[in-house]
Protein backbone atom coordinates (compact mmCIF):
# COMPACT_ATOMS: atom_id res chain seq x y z
CA MET A 1 -45.51 -17.59 78.90
CA ALA A 2 -41.82 -18.03 78.13
CA ASP A 3 -39.61 -15.05 77.32
CA ALA A 4 -40.70 -13.93 73.84
CA GLY A 5 -37.50 -11.97 73.33
CA LEU A 6 -39.25 -8.61 73.05
CA PRO A 7 -37.38 -5.43 74.02
CA VAL A 8 -37.94 -4.60 77.68
CA ARG A 9 -39.84 -1.33 78.00
CA PHE A 10 -40.46 1.00 80.92
CA GLY A 11 -43.42 3.22 81.71
CA TRP A 12 -44.21 5.93 84.23
CA PHE A 13 -47.54 5.84 86.11
CA LEU A 14 -48.72 9.44 86.26
CA VAL A 15 -51.34 10.15 88.94
CA PRO A 16 -53.74 12.79 87.49
CA ASP A 17 -53.92 14.89 90.66
CA ALA A 18 -55.72 18.16 89.84
CA ALA A 19 -53.80 20.16 92.49
CA ASP A 20 -50.99 21.09 90.06
CA PRO A 21 -51.80 20.35 86.41
CA ARG A 22 -48.66 22.03 85.05
CA ALA A 23 -46.51 19.78 87.21
CA LEU A 24 -48.12 16.72 85.59
CA VAL A 25 -47.12 17.94 82.15
CA GLU A 26 -43.58 18.58 83.35
CA GLN A 27 -43.43 15.14 84.97
CA ALA A 28 -44.34 13.54 81.64
CA ARG A 29 -41.67 15.61 79.90
CA LEU A 30 -39.17 14.52 82.55
CA ALA A 31 -40.07 10.87 81.95
CA GLU A 32 -39.53 11.40 78.23
CA ARG A 33 -36.14 13.05 78.75
CA ALA A 34 -35.12 10.25 81.13
CA GLY A 35 -35.77 7.65 78.44
CA PHE A 36 -39.04 6.08 79.58
CA ASP A 37 -41.06 4.47 76.80
CA LEU A 38 -44.58 5.09 78.11
CA VAL A 39 -46.73 7.24 80.36
CA GLY A 40 -49.81 5.50 81.78
CA ILE A 41 -52.64 7.36 83.55
CA GLN A 42 -55.33 5.76 85.70
CA ASP A 43 -58.94 6.53 84.76
CA HIS A 44 -61.30 7.11 87.69
CA PRO A 45 -63.71 9.87 86.58
CA TYR A 46 -65.60 9.71 89.89
CA GLN A 47 -62.48 10.71 91.83
CA ARG A 48 -63.07 14.41 92.49
CA ARG A 49 -59.38 15.16 93.08
CA TYR A 50 -58.35 13.87 89.64
CA LEU A 51 -58.29 15.54 86.25
CA ASP A 52 -60.13 13.83 83.43
CA THR A 53 -57.69 11.24 82.11
CA PHE A 54 -58.39 11.75 78.41
CA THR A 55 -58.15 15.54 78.67
CA LEU A 56 -54.78 15.16 80.37
CA LEU A 57 -53.64 12.68 77.72
CA ALA A 58 -54.54 15.24 75.03
CA ALA A 59 -52.39 17.84 76.79
CA LEU A 60 -49.49 15.38 77.00
CA ALA A 61 -49.88 14.41 73.35
CA THR A 62 -48.95 17.93 72.30
CA ALA A 63 -46.44 18.56 75.11
CA THR A 64 -44.23 15.53 74.35
CA ASP A 65 -42.50 14.26 71.21
CA ARG A 66 -41.50 10.61 71.61
CA ILE A 67 -42.99 8.89 74.64
CA GLY A 68 -45.99 6.56 74.26
CA LEU A 69 -49.28 7.39 76.01
CA PHE A 70 -52.10 5.20 77.31
CA PRO A 71 -54.92 5.15 79.89
CA ASP A 72 -54.01 2.60 82.54
CA VAL A 73 -56.83 1.57 82.12
CA ALA A 74 -59.87 3.34 80.57
CA ASN A 75 -63.10 3.01 82.54
CA LEU A 76 -65.39 1.37 79.97
CA PRO A 77 -68.68 1.70 81.93
CA LEU A 78 -68.32 5.50 81.86
CA ARG A 79 -66.91 5.75 78.32
CA HIS A 80 -69.18 4.54 75.52
CA PRO A 81 -67.22 2.64 72.84
CA ALA A 82 -68.27 5.06 70.06
CA MET A 83 -66.93 8.05 71.99
CA LEU A 84 -63.94 6.07 73.23
CA ALA A 85 -63.03 5.18 69.63
CA LYS A 86 -63.27 8.86 68.63
CA ALA A 87 -61.15 9.98 71.59
CA ALA A 88 -58.51 7.30 71.02
CA ALA A 89 -58.19 8.07 67.31
CA SER A 90 -57.96 11.80 68.07
CA LEU A 91 -55.21 11.23 70.64
CA ASP A 92 -53.33 9.01 68.22
CA LEU A 93 -53.43 11.72 65.56
CA LEU A 94 -52.47 14.48 67.99
CA SER A 95 -49.49 12.44 69.23
CA GLY A 96 -48.34 11.24 65.83
CA GLY A 97 -49.20 7.59 66.46
CA ARG A 98 -48.04 7.28 70.08
CA PHE A 99 -51.33 6.28 71.71
CA GLU A 100 -52.44 2.81 72.82
CA LEU A 101 -55.69 1.98 74.60
CA GLY A 102 -55.58 0.34 78.00
CA LEU A 103 -59.12 -0.87 78.67
CA GLY A 104 -60.85 -2.16 81.80
CA ALA A 105 -64.28 -3.71 82.34
CA GLY A 106 -64.93 -1.51 85.37
CA ALA A 107 -64.83 -1.57 89.17
CA PHE A 108 -66.08 0.56 92.08
CA TRP A 109 -69.63 0.08 90.86
CA ASP A 110 -71.23 2.36 93.45
CA ALA A 111 -69.13 5.24 92.15
CA VAL A 112 -69.86 4.32 88.53
CA ALA A 113 -73.60 4.21 89.24
CA ALA A 114 -73.43 7.54 91.06
CA MET A 115 -72.25 9.11 87.80
CA GLY A 116 -75.07 7.53 85.84
CA GLY A 117 -73.14 4.54 84.58
CA PRO A 118 -74.35 0.94 84.59
CA ARG A 119 -73.93 -1.35 87.58
CA ARG A 120 -72.74 -4.61 85.99
CA THR A 121 -72.24 -8.10 87.35
CA PRO A 122 -68.85 -9.71 86.65
CA GLY A 123 -70.35 -11.65 83.76
CA GLU A 124 -72.00 -8.56 82.32
CA ALA A 125 -68.76 -6.60 82.61
CA VAL A 126 -66.87 -9.23 80.61
CA GLY A 127 -69.63 -9.34 77.99
CA ALA A 128 -69.65 -5.55 77.64
CA LEU A 129 -65.87 -5.50 77.27
CA GLU A 130 -66.01 -8.10 74.50
CA GLU A 131 -68.66 -6.10 72.64
CA ALA A 132 -66.63 -2.91 73.09
CA ILE A 133 -63.41 -4.40 71.70
CA GLY A 134 -65.19 -5.49 68.54
CA LEU A 135 -66.85 -2.10 68.15
CA LEU A 136 -63.65 -0.16 68.72
CA ARG A 137 -61.85 -2.00 65.96
CA ARG A 138 -64.76 -1.52 63.57
CA LEU A 139 -64.90 2.19 64.42
CA TRP A 140 -61.20 2.53 63.59
CA SER A 141 -61.69 0.71 60.28
CA ASP A 142 -62.61 1.87 56.79
CA GLU A 143 -66.15 0.48 57.05
CA ARG A 144 -68.66 2.87 55.55
CA SER A 145 -71.17 2.49 58.38
CA VAL A 146 -71.20 0.51 61.64
CA ARG A 147 -74.42 -1.05 62.85
CA PHE A 148 -74.58 -3.26 65.93
CA GLN A 149 -77.26 -4.64 68.20
CA GLY A 150 -75.70 -6.20 71.28
CA ARG A 151 -76.76 -6.83 74.83
CA HIS A 152 -74.84 -3.82 76.14
CA TYR A 153 -74.28 -1.55 73.16
CA GLN A 154 -76.24 -0.59 70.05
CA LEU A 155 -75.07 1.46 67.08
CA ALA A 156 -77.45 2.52 64.34
CA GLY A 157 -75.23 3.43 61.41
CA VAL A 158 -72.20 5.26 62.84
CA ARG A 159 -69.70 6.43 60.23
CA PRO A 160 -66.17 5.67 61.44
CA GLY A 161 -63.58 8.40 61.53
CA PRO A 162 -61.17 9.90 61.79
CA ALA A 163 -58.82 6.98 61.26
CA PRO A 164 -56.03 6.72 63.85
CA ALA A 165 -52.44 7.39 62.82
CA HIS A 166 -51.44 3.78 63.43
CA PRO A 167 -53.20 0.50 64.41
CA ILE A 168 -54.06 1.24 68.05
CA ALA A 169 -53.37 -1.70 70.35
CA ILE A 170 -55.93 -2.66 73.01
CA TRP A 171 -54.36 -3.72 76.30
CA VAL A 172 -56.83 -5.28 78.73
CA GLY A 173 -56.56 -4.87 82.49
CA GLY A 174 -58.14 -7.93 84.10
CA TYR A 175 -57.59 -10.79 86.54
CA GLY A 176 -60.44 -13.29 86.62
CA PRO A 177 -60.53 -16.45 84.48
CA ARG A 178 -63.02 -15.02 81.97
CA MET A 179 -61.09 -11.78 81.62
CA LEU A 180 -57.84 -13.65 81.09
CA ALA A 181 -59.45 -15.88 78.46
CA LEU A 182 -60.88 -12.80 76.71
CA THR A 183 -57.41 -11.23 76.73
CA GLY A 184 -55.95 -14.28 75.04
CA ARG A 185 -58.71 -14.39 72.42
CA LEU A 186 -59.06 -10.72 71.57
CA ALA A 187 -56.54 -8.32 73.10
CA ASP A 188 -53.19 -7.00 71.94
CA GLY A 189 -51.82 -6.78 75.46
CA TRP A 190 -52.42 -7.44 79.15
CA VAL A 191 -51.98 -4.86 81.95
CA PRO A 192 -52.21 -6.31 85.49
CA SER A 193 -51.01 -4.53 88.63
CA ALA A 194 -48.75 -6.12 91.22
CA ALA A 195 -51.03 -4.79 93.98
CA TYR A 196 -53.81 -7.09 92.74
CA LEU A 197 -51.77 -9.85 91.11
CA PRO A 198 -48.42 -10.45 92.86
CA PRO A 199 -45.51 -12.06 91.01
CA GLU A 200 -46.17 -15.56 92.37
CA ARG A 201 -49.57 -15.58 90.63
CA LEU A 202 -48.37 -14.31 87.26
CA ALA A 203 -47.44 -17.68 85.77
CA ALA A 204 -50.90 -19.21 86.23
CA ALA A 205 -52.58 -16.13 84.76
CA GLN A 206 -50.14 -16.09 81.83
CA ALA A 207 -50.89 -19.74 81.13
CA ARG A 208 -54.63 -19.05 80.93
CA ILE A 209 -54.02 -16.21 78.46
CA ASP A 210 -51.70 -18.38 76.36
CA GLU A 211 -54.16 -21.28 76.27
CA ALA A 212 -56.98 -19.00 75.14
CA ALA A 213 -54.77 -17.41 72.49
CA ALA A 214 -53.67 -20.76 71.11
CA ALA A 215 -57.26 -22.04 71.07
CA ALA A 216 -58.23 -18.96 69.03
CA GLY A 217 -55.41 -19.59 66.56
CA ARG A 218 -53.33 -16.68 67.81
CA ASP A 219 -49.65 -16.54 68.68
CA PRO A 220 -49.41 -15.91 72.45
CA ALA A 221 -46.09 -14.13 71.87
CA ALA A 222 -47.95 -11.40 69.96
CA ILE A 223 -49.70 -10.28 73.17
CA ARG A 224 -47.72 -7.67 75.11
CA ARG A 225 -47.41 -8.20 78.86
CA CYS A 226 -47.30 -4.98 80.92
CA TYR A 227 -46.99 -4.94 84.70
CA ASN A 228 -47.87 -1.98 86.93
CA LEU A 229 -45.42 -1.85 89.82
CA SER A 230 -45.27 0.13 93.04
CA GLY A 231 -42.08 0.44 95.02
CA ARG A 232 -39.14 2.47 96.33
CA ILE A 233 -35.51 2.56 95.26
CA GLY A 234 -33.27 3.23 98.23
CA PRO A 235 -31.40 1.77 101.20
CA GLY A 236 -32.95 -0.64 103.66
CA GLY A 237 -36.26 -2.23 102.87
CA GLY A 238 -35.98 -5.83 101.78
CA GLY A 239 -39.45 -6.55 100.48
CA PHE A 240 -40.56 -6.78 96.87
CA LEU A 241 -39.26 -3.69 95.03
CA ASP A 242 -38.29 -1.95 98.26
CA GLY A 243 -34.53 -1.58 98.36
CA PRO A 244 -31.46 -0.64 96.31
CA ALA A 245 -31.37 -0.72 92.52
CA GLY A 246 -29.53 -4.05 92.45
CA GLN A 247 -32.38 -5.68 94.35
CA TRP A 248 -34.86 -4.31 91.79
CA VAL A 249 -32.87 -5.85 88.96
CA GLU A 250 -32.67 -9.20 90.74
CA GLN A 251 -36.44 -9.23 91.34
CA LEU A 252 -37.48 -7.99 87.89
CA LEU A 253 -35.15 -10.19 85.83
CA PRO A 254 -37.06 -13.46 86.39
CA LEU A 255 -40.32 -11.68 85.57
CA VAL A 256 -38.92 -11.12 82.07
CA VAL A 257 -36.92 -14.27 81.36
CA GLU A 258 -39.10 -16.77 83.23
CA THR A 259 -42.59 -15.27 83.43
CA GLY A 260 -42.64 -13.41 80.10
CA MET A 261 -43.43 -9.85 81.19
CA ASP A 262 -41.99 -7.30 78.75
CA THR A 263 -43.08 -3.89 80.07
CA PHE A 264 -42.94 -2.40 83.56
CA VAL A 265 -44.88 0.72 84.57
CA LEU A 266 -43.58 2.33 87.76
CA TRP A 267 -45.70 4.01 90.43
CA PRO A 268 -43.27 5.06 93.19
CA THR A 269 -44.31 5.09 96.80
CA GLU A 270 -42.30 8.24 97.56
CA SER A 271 -40.59 11.25 95.94
CA PRO A 272 -41.80 10.78 92.34
CA ALA A 273 -39.23 13.05 90.66
CA SER A 274 -36.19 11.55 92.37
CA GLN A 275 -37.51 8.01 92.02
CA LEU A 276 -38.10 8.60 88.31
CA GLU A 277 -34.52 9.72 87.82
CA ARG A 278 -33.08 6.88 89.90
CA PHE A 279 -35.14 4.26 88.08
CA ALA A 280 -34.06 5.61 84.69
CA ALA A 281 -30.40 5.84 85.68
CA GLU A 282 -29.91 2.81 87.93
CA VAL A 283 -32.60 0.21 87.25
CA ALA A 284 -33.68 0.40 83.61
CA PRO A 285 -30.23 0.13 81.95
CA ALA A 286 -29.04 -2.53 84.40
CA LEU A 287 -32.14 -4.65 83.85
CA ARG A 288 -31.86 -4.36 80.07
CA GLN A 289 -28.22 -5.43 80.34
CA ALA A 290 -29.10 -8.38 82.58
CA VAL A 291 -31.87 -9.50 80.21
CA ALA A 292 -29.53 -9.25 77.21
CA ALA A 293 -26.88 -11.29 79.04
CA HIS A 294 -29.42 -13.97 79.99
CA ARG A 295 -30.74 -14.18 76.46
CA GLY A 296 -27.21 -14.33 75.07
CA ALA A 297 -26.30 -17.15 77.42
CA GLY A 298 -29.46 -19.00 76.41
């Protein structure tokens, strides 16, 4: 995926730790004041120390004014598409059209099964995700009644509504060949994490998405490319995203102009509040400037 020329956006990865709920709301407000574009929240309902992701997103929808919100990514096996569509549309209305849906096929199957969810093979997980994407879009539509008989989901005349405030984008979190092909065929965006897909593997994954999009008659440039990153801004270090702000800019620039990533969601490895402020003040504007200079030179 070549650089599509999209504006570079920045997100904050908010860990839904239940120990101090009010601090999570304030952290989201701080990210908004600092100029971040998005807040993403992981969705692991079986984690006893975490708040429910969608309940927290609802609180943030009314506590913020500008910043975008999304689950990073929603746990499909524990969230039926009909209820997920209702929750997503509700969040979009509450936030004034600031919600997008990050969606994952599932993982940690023992924990999912312990909560009563299905234990799916990789092939079944991809098939369920494909069914869910189709159902979500129908349930956000103006269809009078939605009926569906699939392998994983069945609906017997559900009336869609309420309609979301804007066309909600579906960003898929996935890594395997079938998931990447599904992303290219059906999704509005892709959300990998550097912990599972390091930068040197991005190009091959991007190519698979682009090939699937082109084969489906879609423009690959219309698919957003978000990257969850973990790191530390500060002296010393020397590894990937572990060092001063200038090193961050040098390492992120090629991911935009060569690999085609357009959005970066930061999960700091230390001192979240100070790292948030440093990223917003030292990394984000410098990277945007470097990208603009590279594009201008091109």
